[in-house]
Amino acid sequence: MRLAGHDVLLLLEAHPRLGESWRRRWDSLRLFTPARLSALPDLPLPGGDRYPGKDEVADYLQAYAAHFELPVQLGTTVTELRRTGSGGFEAVTDSGIYTGDGVVVATGPFQQRHIPDLPLPPEVVSLHSADYRNPAQLPDGPVLVVGGGNSGVQIAAELAATRPVTLALDKRQPVLPQRVFGTDIFTWLQALGAVRAPVTGRIGRMIRNRDPLIGMGPKALRRLGVRVVDRVVAAEGPRLRTATGQVVSASAVIWATGYRPDYGWLRIPGALADGMPVHTGGISPVPGLTYLGLPFQRNRGSALLGWVGDDAAWVAEAYTAHRTRSQSR
C-alpha cells in the first residue's frame, strides 16, 4: 500500500511479537520452499537453497518490519470490524478503536483449531498439531497421528524414529518430491507457471482440488515403519476405529486436522457468505475492504511467503483504482 502511495496507519497484531504464530509450531518444522523462494518483496531471506526453520522465518518477519519501519502495533486483538457512517472502517480492539478509509484483512487461514468430536479417556494424551513441539512431550508407547496433510506426514515421520506410529488419512493426495534432478520442486513449478496459475483456470482448479504433499507421502512413511490406515470415525476408550473397521490403540493422539475459519468479528453487511469472505482475488464487493494471504486467493502462491507479494501488489493496485474512481465522482 505504501508503494502505491497510500498511508499505512497501523498494522495490528494480536501476538506480543511478530512471527509468534511461527515460533509456536513444532520444533523441527521447516519450510518446504527454499530460502531464496521464501522472501517477501525487496528483502532476501538468507539461506539460498536451504530450507529455513520456523524460528528463522519468525526472525525474518521481525527483521522485515524493522527494515521497512512498518507501523506495527503488537498485542492488539481486533474483536470487531465495522463500517462507519462516512463509509470508512472502525477496528474495535482490546486497546481502543482505530479508523481508516480502507482495511486489509491478513489474518491467514490458521484461526480455530479443528479437532473431531471423538472423546478420549484422560490417560490418552490428546494434542492438536498446533500444540505439538517434539517427541519428548509425549508418553512412551504408540502414537496415532490423524490427518494426512504436510503437517501430519512430517510429524508422523519425526515420531517414527522413537516409537510405533500410525497415520490415519481421510483422503489420499498426490505426492511431489522435494527435489527433482537436484533442483527444488518449487523452482520447477515456478518455471512451469503452476504456482501462479490463476485459480479460475483449468490448471489452477486442478491444483486446488488436488493440492499435493511435498517431499514425503504414505509410501515413504511405510518405509519408516509407519502404519497407514483410513479415516478414524469412532473412539472406544483408548482404542480408535477407522471407517473400514481397523482398530488403533494409542497412548497419544496428534490431531493434524487443520483449522476452521473464524470471521465472526467481521461484522460488515455483504462481506461474508456462509461465514467466508466474499472476494475476487482479494477484493471485496464492500468498497475499501481487501484481503491478503487467503489460500488460493488468486493462485497456489497466494498463501506462500515467496509469492504473497504478487497478491499484495495486485490488491494495492485494485484499491488505488477504486479510490481514484470514488474521488472522481
Protein backbone atom coordinates (compact mmCIF):
# COMPACT_ATOMS: atom_id res chain seq x y z
CA MET A 1 0.00 0.00 0.00
CA ARG A 2 2.87 2.37 0.75
CA LEU A 3 4.40 1.73 -2.67
CA ALA A 4 1.01 2.51 -4.20
CA GLY A 5 1.05 5.91 -2.48
CA HIS A 6 -1.25 5.22 0.49
CA ASP A 7 -0.59 6.00 4.12
CA VAL A 8 -0.47 2.85 6.22
CA LEU A 9 -1.67 4.00 9.63
CA LEU A 10 -1.23 0.79 11.62
CA LEU A 11 -0.58 -2.91 11.30
CA LEU A 12 -2.48 -4.53 14.16
CA GLU A 13 -1.03 -7.80 15.51
CA ALA A 14 -2.62 -9.81 18.32
CA HIS A 15 0.59 -11.58 19.41
CA PRO A 16 3.19 -9.91 21.66
CA ARG A 17 5.86 -10.14 18.95
CA LEU A 18 5.99 -10.59 15.21
CA GLY A 19 6.29 -14.13 13.91
CA GLU A 20 4.84 -15.61 17.10
CA SER A 21 2.49 -17.95 15.22
CA TRP A 22 5.61 -19.45 13.57
CA ARG A 23 7.54 -19.75 16.83
CA ARG A 24 4.71 -21.74 18.39
CA ARG A 25 4.79 -24.54 15.80
CA TRP A 26 6.68 -27.81 16.36
CA ASP A 27 10.43 -27.55 16.86
CA SER A 28 11.61 -29.33 13.72
CA LEU A 29 9.26 -27.54 11.31
CA ARG A 30 10.92 -26.29 8.15
CA LEU A 31 9.52 -24.59 5.09
CA PHE A 32 9.08 -26.78 2.03
CA THR A 33 10.25 -23.87 -0.12
CA PRO A 34 13.96 -22.88 -0.06
CA ALA A 35 15.03 -19.56 1.42
CA ARG A 36 15.61 -17.97 -1.98
CA LEU A 37 11.93 -18.62 -2.85
CA SER A 38 10.55 -17.69 0.58
CA ALA A 39 11.28 -13.98 0.87
CA LEU A 40 8.90 -11.05 0.96
CA PRO A 41 9.48 -8.25 -1.59
CA ASP A 42 12.74 -6.32 -1.53
CA LEU A 43 14.48 -8.14 1.35
CA PRO A 44 16.07 -11.57 0.78
CA LEU A 45 15.70 -14.35 3.32
CA PRO A 46 19.25 -15.66 3.91
CA GLY A 47 19.91 -19.29 3.13
CA GLY A 48 19.90 -19.82 -0.63
CA ASP A 49 18.74 -23.38 -1.35
CA ARG A 50 18.49 -24.30 2.35
CA TYR A 51 15.03 -24.87 3.87
CA PRO A 52 14.57 -22.37 6.74
CA GLY A 53 13.31 -23.45 10.16
CA LYS A 54 10.30 -21.88 11.82
CA ASP A 55 12.34 -19.59 14.10
CA GLU A 56 14.35 -18.33 11.14
CA VAL A 57 11.10 -17.34 9.45
CA ALA A 58 9.87 -15.60 12.61
CA ASP A 59 13.16 -13.69 12.96
CA TYR A 60 12.95 -12.72 9.29
CA LEU A 61 9.47 -11.26 9.74
CA GLN A 62 10.72 -9.19 12.67
CA ALA A 63 13.69 -8.00 10.63
CA TYR A 64 11.44 -7.17 7.68
CA ALA A 65 9.18 -4.92 9.79
CA ALA A 66 12.21 -3.19 11.31
CA HIS A 67 13.98 -2.75 7.94
CA PHE A 68 10.98 -1.00 6.36
CA GLU A 69 9.96 0.75 9.60
CA LEU A 70 6.45 -0.66 9.42
CA PRO A 71 4.00 0.80 11.96
CA VAL A 72 3.23 -2.44 13.78
CA GLN A 73 1.21 -2.35 16.99
CA LEU A 74 1.68 -5.60 18.91
CA GLY A 75 -0.60 -7.20 21.48
CA THR A 76 -3.71 -5.72 19.89
CA THR A 77 -6.61 -8.06 19.18
CA VAL A 78 -9.34 -6.93 16.80
CA THR A 79 -12.71 -8.00 18.20
CA GLU A 80 -14.91 -6.29 15.60
CA LEU A 81 -14.52 -4.64 12.22
CA ARG A 82 -17.43 -2.44 11.15
CA ARG A 83 -18.32 0.40 8.80
CA THR A 84 -18.55 4.00 9.89
CA GLY A 85 -21.30 6.35 8.85
CA SER A 86 -18.93 8.10 6.45
CA GLY A 87 -18.09 4.88 4.57
CA GLY A 88 -14.81 4.18 6.33
CA PHE A 89 -13.97 1.42 8.82
CA GLU A 90 -13.61 1.04 12.55
CA ALA A 91 -11.50 -1.71 14.09
CA VAL A 92 -12.61 -2.32 17.65
CA THR A 93 -9.74 -3.76 19.70
CA ASP A 94 -8.90 -4.54 23.30
CA SER A 95 -6.92 -1.28 23.42
CA GLY A 96 -9.28 1.12 21.65
CA ILE A 97 -10.92 1.86 18.31
CA TYR A 98 -8.92 2.60 15.15
CA THR A 99 -10.35 4.10 11.97
CA GLY A 100 -9.30 4.18 8.34
CA ASP A 101 -10.59 4.61 4.79
CA GLY A 102 -9.56 1.07 3.83
CA VAL A 103 -8.68 -2.23 5.51
CA VAL A 104 -6.51 -5.18 4.51
CA VAL A 105 -7.53 -8.35 6.37
CA ALA A 106 -4.39 -10.51 6.54
CA THR A 107 -5.29 -12.93 9.33
CA GLY A 108 -4.34 -16.03 7.35
CA PRO A 109 -6.04 -19.44 7.29
CA PHE A 110 -4.98 -20.72 10.75
CA GLN A 111 -7.72 -19.47 13.05
CA GLN A 112 -9.78 -22.01 15.02
CA ARG A 113 -8.15 -25.38 15.63
CA HIS A 114 -10.31 -28.25 14.45
CA ILE A 115 -10.45 -31.47 16.48
CA PRO A 116 -13.08 -34.11 15.62
CA ASP A 117 -15.63 -34.87 18.30
CA LEU A 118 -14.14 -38.19 19.37
CA PRO A 119 -13.78 -38.16 23.18
CA LEU A 120 -10.71 -39.94 24.52
CA PRO A 121 -10.06 -41.17 28.07
CA PRO A 122 -7.82 -38.95 30.22
CA GLU A 123 -4.92 -41.42 30.09
CA VAL A 124 -4.57 -40.81 26.35
CA VAL A 125 -2.67 -37.59 25.62
CA SER A 126 -4.55 -35.58 23.00
CA LEU A 127 -2.85 -32.67 21.21
CA HIS A 128 -3.68 -30.59 18.18
CA SER A 129 -0.67 -30.22 15.89
CA ALA A 130 -0.52 -26.55 16.92
CA ASP A 131 0.38 -27.71 20.46
CA TYR A 132 2.86 -30.40 19.44
CA ARG A 133 6.51 -29.40 19.92
CA ASN A 134 8.66 -32.55 19.93
CA PRO A 135 8.57 -36.28 20.80
CA ALA A 136 9.76 -35.64 24.37
CA GLN A 137 6.41 -34.15 25.41
CA LEU A 138 4.60 -37.42 24.65
CA PRO A 139 4.41 -40.53 26.86
CA ASP A 140 6.07 -43.76 25.84
CA GLY A 141 4.01 -46.00 23.64
CA PRO A 142 2.28 -45.90 20.25
CA VAL A 143 1.10 -42.62 18.75
CA LEU A 144 -1.75 -42.04 16.34
CA VAL A 145 -1.43 -39.03 14.02
CA VAL A 146 -4.77 -38.09 12.48
CA GLY A 147 -4.57 -36.11 9.24
CA GLY A 148 -2.53 -36.74 6.12
CA GLY A 149 -1.55 -33.23 5.04
CA ASN A 150 2.03 -31.98 5.12
CA SER A 151 1.86 -31.35 8.89
CA GLY A 152 0.58 -34.83 9.71
CA VAL A 153 3.09 -36.54 7.45
CA GLN A 154 6.06 -34.58 8.83
CA ILE A 155 5.07 -35.16 12.46
CA ALA A 156 4.50 -38.88 11.84
CA ALA A 157 7.94 -39.17 10.23
CA GLU A 158 9.61 -37.46 13.20
CA LEU A 159 7.84 -39.62 15.78
CA ALA A 160 8.59 -42.84 13.89
CA ALA A 161 12.24 -42.58 14.91
CA THR A 162 11.40 -43.23 18.59
CA ARG A 163 8.07 -45.11 18.81
CA PRO A 164 5.37 -47.00 16.90
CA VAL A 165 3.29 -44.60 14.80
CA THR A 166 0.01 -44.92 12.92
CA LEU A 167 -1.16 -42.29 10.46
CA ALA A 168 -4.90 -42.02 9.73
CA LEU A 169 -5.76 -40.50 6.35
CA ASP A 170 -9.09 -39.04 5.29
CA LYS A 171 -8.18 -38.95 1.61
CA ARG A 172 -5.13 -39.61 -0.50
CA GLN A 173 -3.21 -36.71 -2.03
CA PRO A 174 -0.65 -36.71 -4.83
CA VAL A 175 2.97 -36.53 -3.67
CA LEU A 176 5.71 -34.43 -5.24
CA PRO A 177 9.39 -34.99 -4.40
CA GLN A 178 11.20 -32.19 -2.59
CA ARG A 179 13.84 -32.09 -5.31
CA VAL A 180 13.95 -33.24 -8.94
CA PHE A 181 17.37 -33.72 -10.58
CA GLY A 182 18.90 -31.88 -7.64
CA THR A 183 16.66 -28.82 -8.04
CA ASP A 184 13.92 -27.81 -5.61
CA ILE A 185 10.44 -28.75 -6.86
CA PHE A 186 9.13 -25.18 -6.49
CA THR A 187 11.79 -23.98 -8.90
CA TRP A 188 10.29 -26.36 -11.46
CA LEU A 189 6.70 -25.41 -10.56
CA GLN A 190 7.54 -21.73 -10.89
CA ALA A 191 9.24 -22.27 -14.26
CA LEU A 192 6.19 -24.20 -15.49
CA GLY A 193 3.82 -21.45 -14.30
CA ALA A 194 2.00 -23.74 -11.86
CA VAL A 195 2.48 -21.59 -8.75
CA ARG A 196 0.95 -18.54 -10.43
CA ALA A 197 -1.68 -20.39 -12.46
CA PRO A 198 -4.98 -18.49 -11.92
CA VAL A 199 -7.32 -20.40 -9.65
CA THR A 200 -10.11 -19.65 -12.13
CA GLY A 201 -8.32 -21.63 -14.88
CA ARG A 202 -8.14 -25.35 -15.52
CA ILE A 203 -4.64 -25.86 -14.11
CA GLY A 204 -5.32 -23.67 -11.09
CA ARG A 205 -8.54 -25.54 -10.30
CA MET A 206 -6.77 -28.88 -10.64
CA ILE A 207 -4.02 -27.81 -8.23
CA ARG A 208 -6.57 -26.52 -5.73
CA ASN A 209 -8.61 -29.72 -5.84
CA ARG A 210 -5.53 -31.97 -5.59
CA ASP A 211 -3.00 -29.87 -3.68
CA PRO A 212 -0.01 -32.21 -3.33
CA LEU A 213 2.10 -33.28 -0.41
CA ILE A 214 5.70 -32.12 -0.70
CA GLY A 215 8.64 -34.43 -0.13
CA MET A 216 7.05 -37.38 1.61
CA GLY A 217 3.81 -39.33 1.46
CA PRO A 218 2.30 -42.58 2.79
CA LYS A 219 4.63 -44.81 0.75
CA ALA A 220 7.74 -43.19 2.23
CA LEU A 221 6.21 -43.31 5.73
CA ARG A 222 5.63 -47.05 5.43
CA ARG A 223 9.35 -47.47 4.72
CA LEU A 224 9.96 -45.75 8.07
CA GLY A 225 7.72 -48.27 9.79
CA VAL A 226 4.60 -46.12 10.00
CA ARG A 227 1.28 -47.95 9.78
CA VAL A 228 -1.12 -46.13 7.45
CA VAL A 229 -4.87 -46.56 7.95
CA ASP A 230 -8.02 -44.88 6.69
CA ARG A 231 -10.20 -42.22 8.36
CA VAL A 232 -10.87 -42.52 12.11
CA VAL A 233 -14.61 -42.47 12.84
CA ALA A 234 -15.04 -43.65 16.46
CA ALA A 235 -13.28 -43.85 19.81
CA GLU A 236 -13.88 -46.68 22.27
CA GLY A 237 -11.73 -45.89 25.27
CA PRO A 238 -8.05 -45.90 24.22
CA ARG A 239 -8.93 -47.75 21.01
CA LEU A 240 -9.91 -45.88 17.87
CA ARG A 241 -11.73 -47.41 14.93
CA THR A 242 -11.47 -46.44 11.27
CA ALA A 243 -14.18 -46.35 8.60
CA THR A 244 -13.13 -49.81 7.36
CA GLY A 245 -13.06 -51.31 10.85
CA GLN A 246 -9.33 -51.18 11.55
CA VAL A 247 -8.51 -50.69 15.24
CA VAL A 248 -5.71 -48.46 16.56
CA SER A 249 -4.55 -48.33 20.18
CA ALA A 250 -2.56 -45.28 21.21
CA SER A 251 -1.03 -43.65 24.27
CA ALA A 252 -1.21 -40.29 22.47
CA VAL A 253 -3.14 -38.80 19.56
CA ILE A 254 -1.89 -35.86 17.49
CA TRP A 255 -4.72 -34.16 15.62
CA ALA A 256 -3.18 -32.77 12.42
CA THR A 257 -6.71 -31.96 11.32
CA GLY A 258 -6.23 -28.34 10.39
CA TYR A 259 -8.20 -25.24 11.21
CA ARG A 260 -11.60 -23.75 10.64
CA PRO A 261 -12.11 -20.12 9.60
CA ASP A 262 -13.45 -17.62 12.14
CA TYR A 263 -14.64 -14.34 10.70
CA GLY A 264 -17.30 -13.69 13.32
CA TRP A 265 -15.57 -10.42 14.17
CA LEU A 266 -16.03 -9.12 10.60
CA ARG A 267 -19.44 -7.51 11.03
CA ILE A 268 -19.91 -5.77 7.74
CA PRO A 269 -23.02 -6.43 5.64
CA GLY A 270 -22.11 -8.13 2.37
CA ALA A 271 -18.57 -9.08 3.43
CA LEU A 272 -19.26 -12.75 4.19
CA ALA A 273 -21.27 -15.61 2.73
CA ASP A 274 -21.67 -18.75 4.83
CA GLY A 275 -19.02 -17.37 7.16
CA MET A 276 -16.38 -16.95 4.45
CA PRO A 277 -15.06 -13.78 2.79
CA VAL A 278 -16.71 -12.80 -0.48
CA HIS A 279 -13.97 -11.58 -2.78
CA THR A 280 -12.47 -11.66 -6.24
CA GLY A 281 -8.70 -12.05 -5.99
CA GLY A 282 -8.78 -10.45 -2.55
CA ILE A 283 -11.07 -7.54 -3.43
CA SER A 284 -14.34 -7.49 -1.50
CA PRO A 285 -17.57 -6.12 -3.00
CA VAL A 286 -17.54 -3.85 0.06
CA PRO A 287 -15.64 -0.74 -1.13
CA GLY A 288 -12.29 -0.38 0.64
CA LEU A 289 -12.22 -3.89 2.13
CA THR A 290 -9.45 -6.20 0.86
CA TYR A 291 -7.77 -9.47 1.84
CA LEU A 292 -4.27 -10.90 1.71
CA GLY A 293 -2.92 -14.39 2.39
CA LEU A 294 -6.10 -16.39 1.79
CA PRO A 295 -5.44 -19.91 0.48
CA PHE A 296 -5.75 -19.85 -3.30
CA GLN A 297 -6.79 -16.21 -3.18
CA ARG A 298 -5.56 -15.89 -6.75
CA ASN A 299 -3.31 -18.95 -7.16
CA ARG A 300 -1.26 -21.55 -5.25
CA GLY A 301 1.29 -18.90 -4.31
CA SER A 302 -1.25 -16.72 -2.50
CA ALA A 303 -0.53 -18.27 0.89
CA LEU A 304 3.24 -18.76 0.39
CA LEU A 305 5.80 -16.23 1.61
CA GLY A 306 7.68 -16.08 -1.65
CA TRP A 307 4.64 -15.25 -3.77
CA VAL A 308 2.25 -13.35 -1.49
CA GLY A 309 3.95 -10.12 -2.57
CA ASP A 310 2.38 -10.56 -6.02
CA ASP A 311 -1.07 -10.54 -4.44
CA ALA A 312 -0.14 -7.56 -2.25
CA ALA A 313 0.82 -5.54 -5.32
CA TRP A 314 -2.36 -6.58 -7.14
CA VAL A 315 -4.58 -5.70 -4.16
CA ALA A 316 -2.86 -2.32 -3.74
CA GLU A 317 -3.35 -1.53 -7.43
CA ALA A 318 -7.02 -2.53 -7.32
CA TYR A 319 -7.57 -0.49 -4.18
CA THR A 320 -5.89 2.52 -5.79
CA ALA A 321 -8.14 2.23 -8.85
CA HIS A 322 -11.21 2.08 -6.58
CA ARG A 323 -10.11 5.17 -4.64
CA THR A 324 -9.46 7.06 -7.87
CA ARG A 325 -12.94 6.24 -9.22
CA SER A 326 -14.57 7.18 -5.91
CA GLN A 327 -12.79 10.54 -5.74
CA SER A 328 -13.71 11.42 -9.32
CA ARG A 329 -17.43 11.03 -8.72
